[in-house]
C-alpha atoms as a PDB file:
ATOM      1  CA  MET A   1     -22.105  13.746 -11.380  1.00  0.00           C
ATOM      2  CA  GLU A   2     -25.756  13.018 -11.994  1.00  0.00           C
ATOM      3  CA  ILE A   3     -27.085  11.275 -15.091  1.00  0.00           C
ATOM      4  CA  GLU A   4     -30.763  11.697 -15.836  1.00  0.00           C
ATOM      5  CA  ASN A   5     -32.784   9.914 -18.526  1.00  0.00           C
ATOM      6  CA  THR A   6     -35.926  11.902 -19.326  1.00  0.00           C
ATOM      7  CA  ASP A   7     -36.463   9.906 -22.527  1.00  0.00           C
ATOM      8  CA  THR A   8     -38.991   7.076 -22.909  1.00  0.00           C
ATOM      9  CA  GLU A   9     -36.271   4.559 -23.883  1.00  0.00           C
ATOM     10  CA  LYS A  10     -33.430   2.984 -21.920  1.00  0.00           C
ATOM     11  CA  ILE A  11     -30.010   4.519 -22.722  1.00  0.00           C
ATOM     12  CA  ASP A  12     -26.801   2.479 -22.882  1.00  0.00           C
ATOM     13  CA  TYR A  13     -23.697   4.436 -21.895  1.00  0.00           C
ATOM     14  CA  PHE A  14     -20.259   4.256 -20.328  1.00  0.00           C
ATOM     15  CA  LEU A  15     -18.419   6.593 -17.996  1.00  0.00           C
ATOM     16  CA  LYS A  16     -14.962   7.911 -18.643  1.00  0.00           C
ATOM     17  CA  PHE A  17     -12.721   9.830 -16.302  1.00  0.00           C
ATOM     18  CA  ILE A  18      -9.776  11.908 -17.409  1.00  0.00           C
ATOM     19  CA  LEU A  19      -7.066  13.331 -15.142  1.00  0.00           C
ATOM     20  CA  LYS A  20      -4.751  15.943 -16.637  1.00  0.00           C
ATOM     21  CA  LYS A  21      -1.948  18.093 -15.294  1.00  0.00           C
ATOM     22  CA  ASN A  22      -1.016  21.166 -17.348  1.00  0.00           C
ATOM     23  CA  ASN A  23      -3.265  19.827 -20.149  1.00  0.00           C
ATOM     24  CA  GLU A  24      -1.178  16.635 -20.313  1.00  0.00           C
ATOM     25  CA  LEU A  25      -3.107  13.375 -19.982  1.00  0.00           C
ATOM     26  CA  ILE A  26      -2.030  11.452 -16.877  1.00  0.00           C
ATOM     27  CA  VAL A  27      -4.828   8.901 -16.364  1.00  0.00           C
ATOM     28  CA  GLU A  28      -7.912   7.908 -18.356  1.00  0.00           C
ATOM     29  CA  GLY A  29     -10.366   5.115 -17.679  1.00  0.00           C
ATOM     30  CA  HIS A  30     -13.631   3.862 -19.200  1.00  0.00           C
ATOM     31  CA  THR A  31     -16.197   1.732 -17.405  1.00  0.00           C
ATOM     32  CA  LYS A  32     -17.792  -1.336 -18.886  1.00  0.00           C
ATOM     33  CA  PRO A  33     -21.192  -0.685 -20.548  1.00  0.00           C
ATOM     34  CA  LEU A  34     -23.918   0.626 -18.252  1.00  0.00           C
ATOM     35  CA  SER A  35     -27.572   1.516 -18.795  1.00  0.00           C
ATOM     36  CA  ILE A  36     -30.128   3.877 -17.352  1.00  0.00           C
ATOM     37  CA  ASN A  37     -33.863   3.254 -17.555  1.00  0.00           C
ATOM     38  CA  SER A  38     -36.447   5.761 -18.704  1.00  0.00           C
ATOM     39  CA  ASN A  39     -37.234   8.492 -16.131  1.00  0.00           C
ATOM     40  CA  GLU A  40     -34.359   7.420 -13.882  1.00  0.00           C
ATOM     41  CA  SER A  41     -31.409   9.345 -12.467  1.00  0.00           C
ATOM     42  CA  ILE A  42     -28.103   7.991 -11.146  1.00  0.00           C
ATOM     43  CA  THR A  43     -25.415   9.860  -9.212  1.00  0.00           C
ATOM     44  CA  TYR A  44     -21.716   8.925  -9.324  1.00  0.00           C
ATOM     45  CA  ASP A  45     -18.726  10.178  -7.353  1.00  0.00           C
ATOM     46  CA  ASN A  46     -15.000   9.431  -7.375  1.00  0.00           C
ATOM     47  CA  SER A  47     -15.270   6.722  -4.700  1.00  0.00           C
ATOM     48  CA  ASP A  48     -17.705   4.605  -6.744  1.00  0.00           C
ATOM     49  CA  PRO A  49     -16.379   1.022  -7.129  1.00  0.00           C
ATOM     50  CA  LEU A  50     -17.111   1.202 -10.884  1.00  0.00           C
ATOM     51  CA  PHE A  51     -13.850   3.159 -11.199  1.00  0.00           C
ATOM     52  CA  ALA A  52     -11.630   0.424  -9.730  1.00  0.00           C
ATOM     53  CA  GLU A  53      -8.809  -0.137 -12.220  1.00  0.00           C
ATOM     54  CA  HIS A  54      -9.178  -3.935 -12.301  1.00  0.00           C
ATOM     55  CA  ILE A  55     -12.798  -3.809 -13.560  1.00  0.00           C
ATOM     56  CA  LEU A  56     -12.519  -1.007 -16.124  1.00  0.00           C
ATOM     57  CA  ALA A  57     -13.000  -1.756 -19.821  1.00  0.00           C
ATOM     58  CA  TYR A  58     -10.144   0.630 -20.695  1.00  0.00           C
ATOM     59  CA  TYR A  59      -7.356   2.122 -18.583  1.00  0.00           C
ATOM     60  CA  TYR A  60      -4.387   4.311 -19.511  1.00  0.00           C
ATOM     61  CA  GLU A  61      -1.774   5.751 -17.200  1.00  0.00           C
ATOM     62  CA  ALA A  62       1.265   7.819 -18.178  1.00  0.00           C
ATOM     63  CA  SER A  63       4.273   5.529 -17.760  1.00  0.00           C
ATOM     64  CA  ASP A  64       6.047   7.618 -15.136  1.00  0.00           C
ATOM     65  CA  PHE A  65       2.974   8.694 -13.142  1.00  0.00           C
ATOM     66  CA  THR A  66       2.654   5.900 -10.551  1.00  0.00           C
ATOM     67  CA  SER A  67       6.314   4.895 -10.509  1.00  0.00           C
ATOM     68  CA  ASN A  68       7.294   8.497  -9.753  1.00  0.00           C
ATOM     69  CA  ILE A  69       4.823   8.619  -6.853  1.00  0.00           C
ATOM     70  CA  ILE A  70       5.761   5.223  -5.376  1.00  0.00           C
ATOM     71  CA  ASN A  71       9.519   5.207  -5.972  1.00  0.00           C
ATOM     72  CA  ASN A  72      10.506   8.865  -5.711  1.00  0.00           C
ATOM     73  CA  LEU A  73       8.036  11.279  -4.211  1.00  0.00           C
ATOM     74  CA  GLY A  74       5.604   9.251  -2.139  1.00  0.00           C
ATOM     75  CA  TYR A  75       2.814  11.690  -2.952  1.00  0.00           C
ATOM     76  CA  LEU A  76       0.932  13.281  -5.824  1.00  0.00           C
ATOM     77  CA  PRO A  77       3.268  15.917  -7.289  1.00  0.00           C
ATOM     78  CA  PRO A  78       2.152  19.467  -6.471  1.00  0.00           C
ATOM     79  CA  GLY A  79       0.388  21.380  -9.217  1.00  0.00           C
ATOM     80  CA  THR A  80      -2.943  22.120 -10.830  1.00  0.00           C
ATOM     81  CA  TYR A  81      -4.907  19.097 -12.031  1.00  0.00           C
ATOM     82  CA  ASN A  82      -8.127  18.818 -13.983  1.00  0.00           C
ATOM     83  CA  LEU A  83     -10.458  15.864 -13.329  1.00  0.00           C
ATOM     84  CA  GLU A  84     -13.293  15.302 -15.775  1.00  0.00           C
ATOM     85  CA  LEU A  85     -16.055  12.705 -15.532  1.00  0.00           C
ATOM     86  CA  VAL A  86     -18.132  12.159 -18.676  1.00  0.00           C
ATOM     87  CA  ALA A  87     -21.143   9.925 -19.409  1.00  0.00           C
ATOM     88  CA  VAL A  88     -21.072   8.924 -23.094  1.00  0.00           C
ATOM     89  CA  ASN A  89     -23.991   7.435 -25.035  1.00  0.00           C
ATOM     90  CA  SER A  90     -22.680   4.066 -26.299  1.00  0.00           C
ATOM     91  CA  GLU A  91     -24.692   4.231 -29.530  1.00  0.00           C
ATOM     92  CA  THR A  92     -24.254   7.869 -30.614  1.00  0.00           C
ATOM     93  CA  GLU A  93     -21.078   8.741 -28.636  1.00  0.00           C
ATOM     94  CA  ALA A  94     -22.828  11.960 -27.571  1.00  0.00           C
ATOM     95  CA  THR A  95     -22.122  13.347 -24.107  1.00  0.00           C
ATOM     96  CA  ILE A  96     -25.065  12.652 -21.790  1.00  0.00           C
ATOM     97  CA  SER A  97     -23.630  14.460 -18.775  1.00  0.00           C
ATOM     98  CA  SER A  98     -20.258  15.695 -17.569  1.00  0.00           C
ATOM     99  CA  ASP A  99     -18.570  17.209 -14.567  1.00  0.00           C
ATOM    100  CA  ASP A 100     -15.224  18.964 -14.499  1.00  0.00           C
ATOM    101  CA  VAL A 101     -13.241  20.096 -11.468  1.00  0.00           C
ATOM    102  CA  GLU A 102      -9.888  21.812 -11.056  1.00  0.00           C
ATOM    103  CA  ILE A 103      -7.774  20.484  -8.184  1.00  0.00           C
ATOM    104  CA  VAL A 104      -4.837  22.462  -6.833  1.00  0.00           C
ATOM    105  CA  PHE A 105      -2.596  20.108  -4.874  1.00  0.00           C
ATOM    106  CA  THR A 106       0.081  21.486  -2.587  1.00  0.00           C
ATOM    107  CA  VAL A 107       2.449  19.437  -0.476  1.00  0.00           C
ATOM    108  CA  GLY A 108       2.635  19.896   3.259  1.00  0.00           C
ATOM    109  CA  ASP A 109      -0.289  22.263   3.692  1.00  0.00           C
ATOM    110  CA  HIS A 110      -2.351  21.567   6.778  1.00  0.00           C
ATOM    111  CA  PHE A 111      -0.246  18.637   8.002  1.00  0.00           C
ATOM    112  CA  SER A 112       1.046  19.594  11.415  1.00  0.00           C
ATOM    113  CA  ILE A 113       2.903  17.623  14.035  1.00  0.00           C
ATOM    114  CA  ILE A 114       1.399  17.787  17.531  1.00  0.00           C
ATOM    115  CA  LEU A 115       3.808  15.539  19.445  1.00  0.00           C
ATOM    116  CA  PRO A 116       6.737  15.783  19.736  1.00  0.00           C
ATOM    117  CA  ASN A 117       7.045  19.499  19.027  1.00  0.00           C
ATOM    118  CA  ASP A 118       8.533  20.161  15.609  1.00  0.00           C
ATOM    119  CA  GLY A 119      12.304  20.289  16.016  1.00  0.00           C
ATOM    120  CA  GLU A 120      12.180  18.883  19.557  1.00  0.00           C
ATOM    121  CA  ILE A 121      15.222  16.877  20.566  1.00  0.00           C
ATOM    122  CA  MET A 122      14.265  13.624  22.262  1.00  0.00           C
ATOM    123  CA  GLY A 123      17.091  12.632  24.568  1.00  0.00           C
ATOM    124  CA  GLY A 124      17.600   9.282  26.239  1.00  0.00           C
ATOM    125  CA  ALA A 125      15.865   6.004  25.625  1.00  0.00           C
ATOM    126  CA  GLY A 126      12.173   5.457  25.983  1.00  0.00           C
ATOM    127  CA  ASN A 127       8.959   5.089  24.102  1.00  0.00           C
ATOM    128  CA  PHE A 128       8.362   7.304  21.103  1.00  0.00           C
ATOM    129  CA  TYR A 129       4.923   8.841  20.778  1.00  0.00           C
ATOM    130  CA  PHE A 130       3.927  10.644  17.586  1.00  0.00           C
ATOM    131  CA  GLN A 131       0.722  12.498  16.861  1.00  0.00           C
ATOM    132  CA  TRP A 132      -0.123  14.709  13.893  1.00  0.00           C
ATOM    133  CA  ASP A 133      -3.084  16.493  12.338  1.00  0.00           C
ATOM    134  CA  THR A 134      -3.987  15.958   8.710  1.00  0.00           C
ATOM    135  CA  PRO A 135      -6.169  18.113   6.493  1.00  0.00           C
ATOM    136  CA  GLY A 136      -9.846  17.221   6.429  1.00  0.00           C
ATOM    137  CA  PHE A 137     -10.576  14.697   3.702  1.00  0.00           C
ATOM    138  CA  ARG A 138     -14.017  13.877   2.399  1.00  0.00           C
ATOM    139  CA  ALA A 139     -15.437  10.409   3.029  1.00  0.00           C
ATOM    140  CA  GLY A 140     -13.852   7.672   0.928  1.00  0.00           C
ATOM    141  CA  VAL A 141     -10.400   9.273   0.639  1.00  0.00           C
ATOM    142  CA  LYS A 142      -7.717   6.910   1.907  1.00  0.00           C
ATOM    143  CA  VAL A 143      -4.446   8.363   3.155  1.00  0.00           C
ATOM    144  CA  GLU A 144      -1.224   6.398   3.525  1.00  0.00           C
ATOM    145  CA  PHE A 145       1.718   7.601   5.563  1.00  0.00           C
ATOM    146  CA  ARG A 146       5.392   6.856   5.344  1.00  0.00           C
ATOM    147  CA  LEU A 147       7.127   7.543   8.626  1.00  0.00           C
ATOM    148  CA  ILE A 148      10.903   7.888   8.897  1.00  0.00           C
ATOM    149  CA  ILE A 149      12.533   8.381  12.294  1.00  0.00           C
ATOM    150  CA  SER A 150      16.261   8.897  12.608  1.00  0.00           C
ATOM    151  CA  ALA A 151      18.614   9.837  15.408  1.00  0.00           C
ATOM    152  CA  ILE A 152      20.663  12.893  14.485  1.00  0.00           C
ATOM    153  CA  ILE A 153      24.341  12.194  15.064  1.00  0.00           C
ATOM    154  CA  PRO A 154      26.287  15.482  14.695  1.00  0.00           C
ATOM    155  CA  GLU A 155      29.362  13.719  13.275  1.00  0.00           C
ATOM    156  CA  ASP A 156      27.251  12.187  10.476  1.00  0.00           C
ATOM    157  CA  ALA A 157      24.507  14.722   9.723  1.00  0.00           C
ATOM    158  CA  ASP A 158      24.120  18.493   9.876  1.00  0.00           C
ATOM    159  CA  SER A 159      20.307  18.498   9.818  1.00  0.00           C
ATOM    160  CA  PRO A 160      17.293  16.213  10.347  1.00  0.00           C
ATOM    161  CA  GLU A 161      16.959  15.919   6.560  1.00  0.00           C
ATOM    162  CA  ASP A 162      20.598  14.760   6.269  1.00  0.00           C
ATOM    163  CA  ALA A 163      20.020  12.148   9.009  1.00  0.00           C
ATOM    164  CA  ILE A 164      17.010  10.779   7.121  1.00  0.00           C
ATOM    165  CA  ASP A 165      18.830  10.809   3.764  1.00  0.00           C
ATOM    166  CA  LEU A 166      21.649   8.653   5.204  1.00  0.00           C
ATOM    167  CA  GLY A 167      19.201   5.743   5.447  1.00  0.00           C
ATOM    168  CA  TYR A 168      20.856   4.251   8.542  1.00  0.00           C
ATOM    169  CA  ASN A 169      22.616   5.125  11.772  1.00  0.00           C
ATOM    170  CA  PRO A 170      23.853   3.043  14.724  1.00  0.00           C
ATOM    171  CA  VAL A 171      21.638   4.780  17.318  1.00  0.00           C
ATOM    172  CA  PHE A 172      18.144   4.554  15.806  1.00  0.00           C
ATOM    173  CA  TYR A 173      16.659   4.530  12.308  1.00  0.00           C
ATOM    174  CA  PHE A 174      13.158   3.437  11.267  1.00  0.00           C
ATOM    175  CA  ASP A 175      11.486   3.619   7.839  1.00  0.00           C
ATOM    176  CA  SER A 176       7.920   2.311   7.507  1.00  0.00           C
ATOM    177  CA  ASN A 177       8.345   1.940   3.705  1.00  0.00           C
ATOM    178  CA  TRP A 178       4.604   2.683   3.281  1.00  0.00           C
ATOM    179  CA  ASP A 179       3.718  -0.390   5.363  1.00  0.00           C
ATOM    180  CA  ASN A 180       1.301  -0.266   8.294  1.00  0.00           C
ATOM    181  CA  LEU A 181       2.700   1.784  11.138  1.00  0.00           C
ATOM    182  CA  PRO A 182       3.629  -0.136  14.286  1.00  0.00           C
ATOM    183  CA  ILE A 183       1.156   0.609  17.052  1.00  0.00           C
ATOM    184  CA  GLY A 184       2.421   0.319  20.613  1.00  0.00           C
ATOM    185  CA  VAL A 185       5.750  -1.436  19.952  1.00  0.00           C
ATOM    186  CA  TRP A 186       8.496   0.029  17.775  1.00  0.00           C
ATOM    187  CA  PRO A 187      11.007  -2.171  15.962  1.00  0.00           C
END
């Protein structure tokens, strides 16, 4: 979003961002007061450090939003979201500039495993090597992965999903728990 001051006076303002899903407010934040000089323009995007939660003047998050992502799903729930960024004149509360974008988030699209082949059975002992493609993300987007690897023991599990849901098996089970992935040496 670009803010432009064509006036002869400095303008004091703040930015607010609003994230909604199905017209229900999920997250809203307001920056601390900012200003723009006469005949100046400033451009903001979603990776700007001004939007870091710990330095915002105001922050609201629906109570189940983050806990549902961290504790249950591990990802943003699929659906249609609306993200709005608004520059508000601090004195008059008039909108100086705004930008609004609809985001359709689907789970699993464009993530594809390269090695081992999907569904491949890895027999015997040895080193595990995993490689996958992710969708293209614009600069500044950070992606975290949770990797779960489980041996499939036919007596205990009928499918790979069942083996993962068990949470343990005597042959091999690994859950990264959203921590950094081990590189080179597996636990």
